[in-house]
Amino acid sequence: MAARILLVDDDAAHRSMLKTLLGSWHYQVQEACDGAEAVACVQASAFDLVLSDVRMAQMDGLSALREILAFNPALPVILMTAYSSVETAVEALRLGAFDYLIKPLDFTALAETIKRAVTTPHTPLEPRQVRSLLEEPACGILGQSTLMQKLLSDIATVAPTEATVLICGESGTGKELVARALHAQSERAGNPFVVVNCAALAENLLESELFGHEKGAFTGADKRREGRFVQADHGTLFLDEIGEMPLAVQAKLLRCLQQGEVQRVGADRPITVDVRVVAATNRKLDEEVAKGNFRQDLFFRLNVISLEVPALRARREDIPILAVHFLEVFARRNKKDLKGFAPKAMDSLVRYAWPGNVRELENAVERAVIMAKESFIGQEDLPPALLGAIPEQSSALAGMTLDHVERLAIEQTLRETGDNKSETARRLGITRATLHNKLKKYSLE
């Protein structure tokens, strides 16, 4: 199948000439007349290469390069300009451009550069950059998105306190990583971090697991057992899937939290413990309270501080960082020499809705690493569910005008930034004034 190239130039005559030339080399070509349109095209469809002018009126090539690689860092971008300068070339390559060509173009050099770009994938985000993120004091939590930066900031604020924390979020978002980060950045960091999955045990076993039991307390209790609260003394106890805890155990947990004491099953006297409790749930506990499935007093006791871990689809700009990290981990584990993702493979990753969140992405990359036969992971190596993946709303993009696509991009970015106009303008690569004019144009104010 012929490689698909996005040709970006505000000079219609030069763009038409290049389209004819590229077509004669058997490439599929789509045109964009400025950087803003190029960004919208890349977000709406998959390409093997972007060939873009640098100086354009609406959005210049360097600004477009930033936005394109933020969306898909594996997509090669070749910049071309009639205004050669060392500074611009260095900046283009620093930002991750595949190459930088001078007009008037040498067509032989252009042909060779394009062939090299579409046959030798690259990922500007190097594994060593990902490793530097892992070295930050957040227990391996990766993410440069606004949502994740806020979460990391909240963790840093809450961790040194003794407050009980309720971590909310969908399954697979990394709630245990947040709990471990809270522990690691607290004064309890040198003491135990103990995990209990409340959904994994029956009611009688969960009570014994949490509080312990005396010898002979029930059938099979052939010796005394310390519970998880005692094991976590002076440390942190992480209660995962707290929404699955039976009501009877909830009552005993509440007493423990209020009194700082636990009583083994079958024991006569309580034991004093010093434990910080961090709980997590993928349920909406206020709704479970309304249904009578969760004690209201326990909900209030746990919900002193609430942290929300965003779904992966709400922070798509973090997908490339996570994908490259997982690639390095599983390539090393499986003794495979892999250099990165092919452009369309990364495109599929950033478009997929990820209902299983980070855990699903991790599994998908592990599968791709195992299946990969070349030095770069291609689309064919990804799980079948990801092939042809499209972003939410994108089924409606076919046949839409650029205005429609632009409006959708603005609406989605406003939602992701919590209606923050300055951040929305920054992400879209436009000025605040331009955003204001577009909001008026599309009646979005």
Protein backbone atom coordinates (compact mmCIF):
# COMPACT_ATOMS: atom_id res chain seq x y z
CA MET A 1 0.00 0.00 0.00
CA ALA A 2 1.35 3.44 -0.96
CA ALA A 3 2.54 5.64 1.89
CA ARG A 4 0.16 8.46 2.78
CA ILE A 5 1.68 11.96 2.92
CA LEU A 6 0.17 15.16 4.31
CA LEU A 7 1.48 18.09 2.23
CA VAL A 8 1.32 21.45 4.03
CA ASP A 9 2.03 24.73 2.25
CA ASP A 10 0.17 28.06 2.02
CA ASP A 11 1.56 28.63 -1.49
CA ALA A 12 -1.12 26.96 -3.63
CA ALA A 13 1.05 26.80 -6.76
CA HIS A 14 4.01 25.23 -4.95
CA ARG A 15 1.66 22.82 -3.16
CA SER A 16 0.06 21.77 -6.45
CA MET A 17 3.46 21.16 -8.03
CA LEU A 18 4.61 19.03 -5.11
CA LYS A 19 1.36 17.07 -5.08
CA THR A 20 1.87 16.17 -8.74
CA LEU A 21 5.49 15.21 -8.10
CA LEU A 22 4.66 13.05 -5.06
CA GLY A 23 1.84 11.41 -6.98
CA SER A 24 4.27 10.50 -9.75
CA TRP A 25 6.34 8.73 -7.07
CA HIS A 26 3.24 6.70 -6.19
CA TYR A 27 2.49 8.35 -2.85
CA GLN A 28 -1.04 9.15 -1.68
CA VAL A 29 -1.24 12.88 -0.95
CA GLN A 30 -3.61 14.98 1.15
CA GLU A 31 -3.22 18.76 1.20
CA ALA A 32 -3.41 21.33 4.00
CA CYS A 33 -2.98 25.06 3.44
CA ASP A 34 -1.58 25.99 6.89
CA GLY A 35 -0.32 24.55 10.15
CA ALA A 36 -3.67 24.67 11.94
CA GLU A 37 -5.32 22.67 9.18
CA ALA A 38 -2.40 20.22 9.24
CA VAL A 39 -2.87 19.60 12.98
CA ALA A 40 -6.60 19.01 12.46
CA CYS A 41 -5.87 16.58 9.61
CA VAL A 42 -3.37 14.58 11.66
CA GLN A 43 -5.84 14.35 14.53
CA ALA A 44 -8.59 13.22 12.16
CA SER A 45 -6.69 10.68 10.05
CA ALA A 46 -3.56 8.51 9.90
CA PHE A 47 -0.50 9.46 7.79
CA ASP A 48 2.94 8.00 7.17
CA LEU A 49 4.64 11.38 6.75
CA VAL A 50 4.06 15.13 6.98
CA LEU A 51 5.90 17.39 4.50
CA SER A 52 5.44 20.97 5.62
CA ASP A 53 6.59 24.48 4.81
CA VAL A 54 7.92 26.51 7.75
CA ARG A 55 6.67 30.04 7.09
CA MET A 56 2.87 30.13 6.88
CA ALA A 57 0.37 32.80 7.86
CA GLN A 58 -2.10 30.96 10.10
CA MET A 59 0.25 28.64 12.02
CA ASP A 60 3.92 28.23 11.13
CA GLY A 61 5.59 24.91 10.55
CA LEU A 62 7.45 24.82 13.88
CA SER A 63 4.24 25.41 15.85
CA ALA A 64 2.47 22.74 13.80
CA LEU A 65 5.42 20.40 14.39
CA ARG A 66 5.00 20.75 18.16
CA GLU A 67 1.28 19.98 17.99
CA ILE A 68 1.65 17.09 15.55
CA LEU A 69 4.37 15.36 17.58
CA ALA A 70 2.45 15.96 20.80
CA PHE A 71 -0.36 13.93 19.21
CA ASN A 72 1.82 11.30 17.51
CA PRO A 73 5.57 11.45 18.23
CA ALA A 74 6.27 8.57 15.83
CA LEU A 75 4.99 10.51 12.79
CA PRO A 76 7.96 11.78 10.73
CA VAL A 77 7.74 15.47 9.83
CA ILE A 78 9.99 16.96 7.14
CA LEU A 79 10.17 20.75 7.13
CA MET A 80 11.07 22.85 4.09
CA THR A 81 11.78 26.57 3.80
CA ALA A 82 13.17 29.17 1.44
CA TYR A 83 14.60 31.10 4.41
CA SER A 84 17.55 29.04 5.56
CA SER A 85 19.00 29.71 8.99
CA VAL A 86 21.05 27.59 11.34
CA GLU A 87 18.85 28.60 14.29
CA THR A 88 15.63 27.45 12.59
CA ALA A 89 17.16 24.17 11.46
CA VAL A 90 18.51 23.42 14.94
CA GLU A 91 15.16 24.27 16.53
CA ALA A 92 13.29 22.06 14.05
CA LEU A 93 15.53 19.08 14.77
CA ARG A 94 15.44 19.74 18.51
CA LEU A 95 11.64 19.64 18.41
CA GLY A 96 11.77 16.27 16.67
CA ALA A 97 11.60 16.99 12.94
CA PHE A 98 12.82 14.08 10.81
CA ASP A 99 14.75 16.41 8.47
CA TYR A 100 14.98 20.00 7.25
CA LEU A 101 15.16 20.86 3.51
CA ILE A 102 15.93 24.15 1.75
CA LYS A 103 13.88 25.59 -1.13
CA PRO A 104 14.25 25.45 -4.06
CA LEU A 105 14.09 21.74 -3.36
CA ASP A 106 16.57 19.29 -4.73
CA PHE A 107 14.08 16.66 -5.96
CA THR A 108 16.61 13.82 -5.74
CA ALA A 109 17.34 14.71 -2.11
CA LEU A 110 13.60 15.09 -1.44
CA ALA A 111 12.87 11.64 -2.88
CA GLU A 112 15.64 10.05 -0.82
CA THR A 113 14.58 11.83 2.38
CA ILE A 114 10.93 10.81 1.98
CA LYS A 115 11.89 7.20 1.23
CA ARG A 116 14.09 7.14 4.31
CA ALA A 117 11.34 8.67 6.47
CA VAL A 118 8.62 6.21 5.46
CA THR A 119 10.85 3.14 5.64
CA THR A 120 12.82 3.98 8.77
CA PRO A 121 10.40 4.95 11.55
CA HIS A 122 11.63 7.01 14.45
CA THR A 123 10.32 8.15 17.80
CA PRO A 124 11.61 11.53 19.02
CA LEU A 125 10.65 10.55 22.56
CA GLU A 126 13.65 8.42 23.54
CA PRO A 127 13.51 5.77 26.29
CA ARG A 128 16.10 7.70 28.29
CA GLN A 129 13.67 10.64 28.46
CA VAL A 130 11.03 8.31 29.85
CA ARG A 131 13.53 6.94 32.38
CA SER A 132 14.21 10.47 33.63
CA LEU A 133 10.49 10.83 34.34
CA LEU A 134 10.56 7.59 36.32
CA GLU A 135 13.28 9.00 38.53
CA GLU A 136 10.90 11.68 39.82
CA PRO A 137 9.55 10.98 43.35
CA ALA A 138 6.15 9.72 42.26
CA CYS A 139 6.60 5.93 42.24
CA GLY A 140 6.71 5.63 38.48
CA ILE A 141 3.60 7.67 37.71
CA LEU A 142 4.09 8.87 34.13
CA GLY A 143 2.26 11.77 32.57
CA GLN A 144 2.85 15.27 31.26
CA SER A 145 -0.82 16.12 30.68
CA THR A 146 -2.51 18.88 32.69
CA LEU A 147 -4.70 16.32 34.46
CA MET A 148 -1.74 14.20 35.58
CA GLN A 149 0.35 17.21 36.59
CA LYS A 150 -2.53 18.32 38.84
CA LEU A 151 -2.80 14.83 40.32
CA LEU A 152 0.96 14.74 41.02
CA SER A 153 0.72 18.18 42.63
CA ASP A 154 -2.19 17.02 44.81
CA ILE A 155 -0.24 13.90 45.84
CA ALA A 156 2.72 16.07 46.89
CA THR A 157 0.38 18.27 48.96
CA VAL A 158 -1.56 15.47 50.66
CA ALA A 159 1.21 12.87 51.17
CA PRO A 160 2.99 14.50 54.17
CA THR A 161 -0.30 14.74 56.12
CA GLU A 162 -2.07 12.03 58.13
CA ALA A 163 -5.37 12.48 56.27
CA THR A 164 -7.32 9.43 55.12
CA VAL A 165 -7.46 9.46 51.31
CA LEU A 166 -10.06 8.01 48.94
CA ILE A 167 -8.69 7.39 45.44
CA CYS A 168 -11.36 7.21 42.75
CA GLY A 169 -11.06 6.15 39.13
CA GLU A 170 -11.89 3.49 36.58
CA SER A 171 -10.29 0.06 36.70
CA GLY A 172 -6.78 0.04 35.28
CA THR A 173 -6.03 3.74 35.78
CA GLY A 174 -3.26 3.16 38.34
CA LYS A 175 -4.94 3.81 41.69
CA GLU A 176 -2.46 1.60 43.56
CA LEU A 177 0.43 3.60 42.08
CA VAL A 178 -1.15 6.75 43.55
CA ALA A 179 -1.49 5.03 46.94
CA ARG A 180 2.17 3.97 46.83
CA ALA A 181 3.18 7.52 45.88
CA LEU A 182 1.27 8.88 48.88
CA HIS A 183 3.10 6.43 51.14
CA ALA A 184 6.52 7.06 49.54
CA GLN A 185 6.24 10.82 50.02
CA SER A 186 4.98 10.61 53.61
CA GLU A 187 6.85 10.37 56.91
CA ARG A 188 5.73 6.73 57.03
CA ALA A 189 7.79 5.85 53.94
CA GLY A 190 10.26 3.70 55.89
CA ASN A 191 7.47 1.57 57.37
CA PRO A 192 5.21 -1.08 55.79
CA PHE A 193 2.86 -0.47 52.86
CA VAL A 194 0.24 -3.22 53.07
CA VAL A 195 -2.35 -4.00 50.39
CA VAL A 196 -5.75 -5.66 50.86
CA ASN A 197 -8.07 -6.34 47.91
CA CYS A 198 -11.52 -6.11 49.46
CA ALA A 199 -13.15 -7.76 46.44
CA ALA A 200 -11.00 -10.88 46.57
CA LEU A 201 -12.18 -12.37 49.89
CA ALA A 202 -15.47 -13.57 51.37
CA GLU A 203 -16.86 -11.66 54.38
CA ASN A 204 -15.52 -13.98 57.12
CA LEU A 205 -12.10 -14.22 55.48
CA LEU A 206 -11.89 -10.45 54.90
CA GLU A 207 -12.55 -9.75 58.59
CA SER A 208 -9.78 -12.14 59.59
CA GLU A 209 -7.49 -10.70 56.91
CA LEU A 210 -7.96 -7.16 58.21
CA PHE A 211 -8.11 -7.66 61.97
CA GLY A 212 -6.51 -11.09 62.55
CA HIS A 213 -7.87 -13.98 64.64
CA GLU A 214 -7.11 -16.03 67.71
CA LYS A 215 -6.33 -19.72 67.59
CA GLY A 216 -9.60 -21.69 67.56
CA ALA A 217 -11.72 -18.63 66.68
CA PHE A 218 -13.31 -20.60 63.86
CA THR A 219 -12.90 -23.87 62.00
CA GLY A 220 -9.44 -23.99 60.47
CA ALA A 221 -7.96 -21.33 62.77
CA ASP A 222 -5.17 -23.59 64.04
CA LYS A 223 -2.98 -20.71 65.18
CA ARG A 224 -3.19 -17.02 65.97
CA ARG A 225 -2.83 -14.70 63.01
CA GLU A 226 -1.95 -11.01 62.94
CA GLY A 227 -4.22 -8.98 60.69
CA ARG A 228 -3.21 -6.49 58.03
CA PHE A 229 -3.80 -3.54 60.36
CA VAL A 230 -1.18 -4.86 62.77
CA GLN A 231 1.18 -5.65 59.88
CA ALA A 232 0.80 -2.03 58.69
CA ASP A 233 1.42 -0.50 62.13
CA HIS A 234 3.21 2.87 61.74
CA GLY A 235 2.79 2.50 57.97
CA THR A 236 0.03 2.67 55.36
CA LEU A 237 -2.82 0.24 54.70
CA PHE A 238 -4.20 0.35 51.17
CA LEU A 239 -7.78 -0.94 50.91
CA ASP A 240 -8.35 -1.59 47.23
CA GLU A 241 -11.91 -1.89 45.86
CA ILE A 242 -13.36 -0.62 49.15
CA GLY A 243 -16.80 -0.42 47.50
CA GLU A 244 -16.94 -4.24 47.50
CA MET A 245 -16.57 -4.50 51.29
CA PRO A 246 -19.58 -6.19 53.04
CA LEU A 247 -21.64 -3.95 55.34
CA ALA A 248 -20.79 -5.96 58.48
CA VAL A 249 -17.06 -5.48 57.91
CA GLN A 250 -17.65 -1.81 57.08
CA ALA A 251 -18.99 -1.26 60.61
CA LYS A 252 -15.87 -2.79 62.18
CA LEU A 253 -13.60 -0.81 59.85
CA LEU A 254 -15.34 2.42 60.88
CA ARG A 255 -14.74 1.66 64.56
CA CYS A 256 -11.11 0.92 63.84
CA LEU A 257 -10.66 4.23 62.00
CA GLN A 258 -12.38 6.20 64.77
CA GLN A 259 -10.74 4.51 67.77
CA GLY A 260 -7.36 3.53 66.35
CA GLU A 261 -7.93 0.00 67.65
CA VAL A 262 -8.47 -3.44 66.15
CA GLN A 263 -9.81 -6.58 67.77
CA ARG A 264 -8.83 -10.00 66.50
CA VAL A 265 -11.68 -12.39 65.75
CA GLY A 266 -12.18 -14.38 68.97
CA ALA A 267 -10.12 -11.99 71.12
CA ASP A 268 -11.30 -10.30 74.33
CA ARG A 269 -9.32 -7.06 74.13
CA PRO A 270 -8.54 -4.59 71.35
CA ILE A 271 -5.03 -3.70 70.14
CA THR A 272 -3.92 -0.12 69.52
CA VAL A 273 -2.53 0.52 66.03
CA ASP A 274 -1.11 3.54 64.25
CA VAL A 275 -2.08 3.15 60.61
CA ARG A 276 -2.83 5.57 57.80
CA VAL A 277 -5.62 4.24 55.61
CA VAL A 278 -5.76 4.92 51.88
CA ALA A 279 -8.75 3.43 50.05
CA ALA A 280 -9.58 3.09 46.36
CA THR A 281 -12.72 2.38 44.38
CA ASN A 282 -13.97 2.28 40.81
CA ARG A 283 -17.53 2.78 42.08
CA LYS A 284 -19.29 6.05 42.86
CA LEU A 285 -19.57 5.59 46.62
CA ASP A 286 -22.14 8.35 47.08
CA GLU A 287 -24.45 6.39 44.78
CA GLU A 288 -23.70 3.18 46.70
CA VAL A 289 -24.64 5.03 49.91
CA ALA A 290 -27.97 6.06 48.35
CA LYS A 291 -28.62 2.40 47.39
CA GLY A 292 -27.85 1.21 50.91
CA ASN A 293 -24.75 -0.72 49.81
CA PHE A 294 -22.24 1.45 51.65
CA ARG A 295 -22.36 3.08 55.06
CA GLN A 296 -22.70 6.85 54.91
CA ASP A 297 -20.64 7.40 58.07
CA LEU A 298 -17.79 5.28 56.67
CA PHE A 299 -17.97 7.16 53.37
CA PHE A 300 -17.57 10.48 55.17
CA ARG A 301 -14.69 9.07 57.24
CA LEU A 302 -12.84 7.78 54.18
CA ASN A 303 -13.57 10.78 51.97
CA VAL A 304 -11.52 13.31 53.96
CA ILE A 305 -9.39 13.83 50.84
CA SER A 306 -10.53 12.53 47.45
CA LEU A 307 -8.14 12.11 44.51
CA GLU A 308 -9.46 11.33 41.02
CA VAL A 309 -7.21 9.33 38.70
CA PRO A 310 -8.20 10.30 35.12
CA ALA A 311 -9.10 7.73 32.50
CA LEU A 312 -6.45 7.25 29.82
CA ARG A 313 -8.79 8.50 27.07
CA ALA A 314 -8.98 11.84 28.96
CA ARG A 315 -5.20 12.31 28.76
CA ARG A 316 -4.28 11.05 25.31
CA GLU A 317 -1.10 13.14 25.23
CA ASP A 318 0.35 10.75 27.85
CA ILE A 319 -0.19 7.64 25.68
CA PRO A 320 3.11 7.96 23.72
CA ILE A 321 5.11 8.38 26.96
CA LEU A 322 3.50 5.31 28.52
CA ALA A 323 3.77 3.27 25.30
CA VAL A 324 7.51 3.96 24.90
CA HIS A 325 8.09 3.12 28.57
CA PHE A 326 6.22 -0.20 28.30
CA LEU A 327 8.03 -0.99 25.05
CA GLU A 328 11.39 -0.61 26.75
CA VAL A 329 10.31 -2.69 29.77
CA PHE A 330 8.97 -5.62 27.73
CA ALA A 331 11.70 -5.49 25.09
CA ARG A 332 14.29 -5.84 27.83
CA ARG A 333 12.30 -8.59 29.55
CA ASN A 334 11.89 -10.54 26.29
CA LYS A 335 15.45 -9.81 25.08
CA LYS A 336 14.30 -8.07 21.90
CA ASP A 337 16.03 -5.16 20.18
CA LEU A 338 13.17 -2.77 19.40
CA LYS A 339 13.65 0.90 18.53
CA GLY A 340 10.13 2.29 18.70
CA PHE A 341 6.73 2.43 17.00
CA ALA A 342 5.92 2.88 13.31
CA PRO A 343 3.80 6.03 12.72
CA LYS A 344 0.52 4.22 12.06
CA ALA A 345 1.03 1.95 15.05
CA MET A 346 1.42 4.97 17.34
CA ASP A 347 -1.53 6.59 15.57
CA SER A 348 -3.69 3.57 16.47
CA LEU A 349 -2.54 3.76 20.08
CA VAL A 350 -3.44 7.43 20.51
CA ARG A 351 -6.83 7.01 18.81
CA TYR A 352 -8.07 3.98 20.71
CA ALA A 353 -10.56 4.63 23.54
CA TRP A 354 -8.74 2.33 26.06
CA PRO A 355 -11.71 1.11 28.14
CA GLY A 356 -9.18 -0.85 30.22
CA ASN A 357 -7.02 2.25 30.69
CA VAL A 358 -3.27 2.03 31.44
CA ARG A 359 -3.47 -1.68 32.28
CA GLU A 360 -4.93 -2.41 28.83
CA LEU A 361 -2.25 -0.27 27.15
CA GLU A 362 0.44 -2.15 29.05
CA ASN A 363 -0.97 -5.50 27.93
CA ALA A 364 -1.31 -4.29 24.33
CA VAL A 365 2.33 -3.15 24.18
CA GLU A 366 3.53 -6.40 25.76
CA ARG A 367 1.66 -8.34 23.08
CA ALA A 368 3.08 -6.10 20.34
CA VAL A 369 6.64 -6.54 21.62
CA ILE A 370 6.26 -10.31 21.57
CA MET A 371 4.70 -10.33 18.08
CA ALA A 372 7.06 -7.79 16.48
CA LYS A 373 9.31 -9.22 13.76
CA GLU A 374 10.96 -5.94 12.70
CA SER A 375 12.91 -3.37 14.70
CA PHE A 376 9.84 -1.12 14.93
CA ILE A 377 6.38 -2.15 16.13
CA GLY A 378 3.89 -1.93 13.27
CA GLN A 379 0.10 -1.86 13.17
CA GLU A 380 0.03 -5.58 12.40
CA ASP A 381 1.70 -6.29 15.77
CA LEU A 382 -1.07 -4.60 17.78
CA PRO A 383 -4.13 -6.43 19.17
CA PRO A 384 -6.94 -6.68 16.57
CA ALA A 385 -9.19 -4.39 18.63
CA LEU A 386 -6.81 -1.48 17.98
CA LEU A 387 -6.58 -1.82 14.24
CA GLY A 388 -8.51 0.95 12.57
CA ALA A 389 -9.06 2.56 15.98
CA ILE A 390 -10.65 5.97 15.78
CA PRO A 391 -11.10 8.67 18.38
CA GLU A 392 -14.46 9.30 20.00
CA GLN A 393 -16.68 11.33 17.64
CA SER A 394 -14.36 10.59 14.70
CA SER A 395 -16.91 8.29 13.03
CA ALA A 396 -18.71 11.55 12.36
CA LEU A 397 -15.63 13.22 10.86
CA ALA A 398 -15.94 11.61 7.44
CA GLY A 399 -17.18 14.18 4.98
CA MET A 400 -17.00 17.03 7.49
CA THR A 401 -15.66 20.43 6.53
CA LEU A 402 -12.55 21.82 8.21
CA ASP A 403 -14.81 24.16 10.20
CA HIS A 404 -16.65 21.17 11.65
CA VAL A 405 -13.40 19.42 12.54
CA GLU A 406 -12.01 22.61 14.07
CA ARG A 407 -15.15 23.12 16.17
CA LEU A 408 -14.95 19.53 17.45
CA ALA A 409 -11.26 20.01 18.33
CA ILE A 410 -12.02 23.19 20.28
CA GLU A 411 -14.97 21.62 22.11
CA GLN A 412 -12.96 18.55 23.09
CA THR A 413 -9.96 20.58 24.25
CA LEU A 414 -12.19 22.87 26.32
CA ARG A 415 -13.64 19.81 28.05
CA GLU A 416 -10.20 18.32 28.70
CA THR A 417 -8.90 21.59 30.22
CA GLY A 418 -11.98 22.26 32.33
CA ASP A 419 -12.92 25.26 30.15
CA ASN A 420 -9.51 26.87 30.71
CA LYS A 421 -9.22 29.24 27.73
CA SER A 422 -5.49 29.91 28.08
CA GLU A 423 -4.60 26.22 28.28
CA THR A 424 -6.98 25.44 25.40
CA ALA A 425 -5.30 28.07 23.21
CA ARG A 426 -1.84 26.70 24.15
CA ARG A 427 -2.80 23.12 23.26
CA LEU A 428 -4.34 24.19 19.96
CA GLY A 429 -1.28 26.28 19.08
CA ILE A 430 -3.22 29.54 18.70
CA THR A 431 -3.34 32.83 20.59
CA ARG A 432 -5.97 33.60 23.22
CA ALA A 433 -7.41 36.25 20.90
CA THR A 434 -7.69 33.77 18.01
CA LEU A 435 -9.46 31.31 20.30
CA HIS A 436 -11.87 34.04 21.40
CA ASN A 437 -12.71 34.80 17.76
CA LYS A 438 -13.28 31.11 17.00
CA LEU A 439 -15.50 30.72 20.07
CA LYS A 440 -17.63 33.59 18.72
CA LYS A 441 -17.59 32.11 15.22
CA TYR A 442 -18.87 28.74 16.44
CA SER A 443 -21.19 30.17 19.15
CA LEU A 444 -19.25 28.34 21.88
CA GLU A 445 -18.98 31.23 24.35
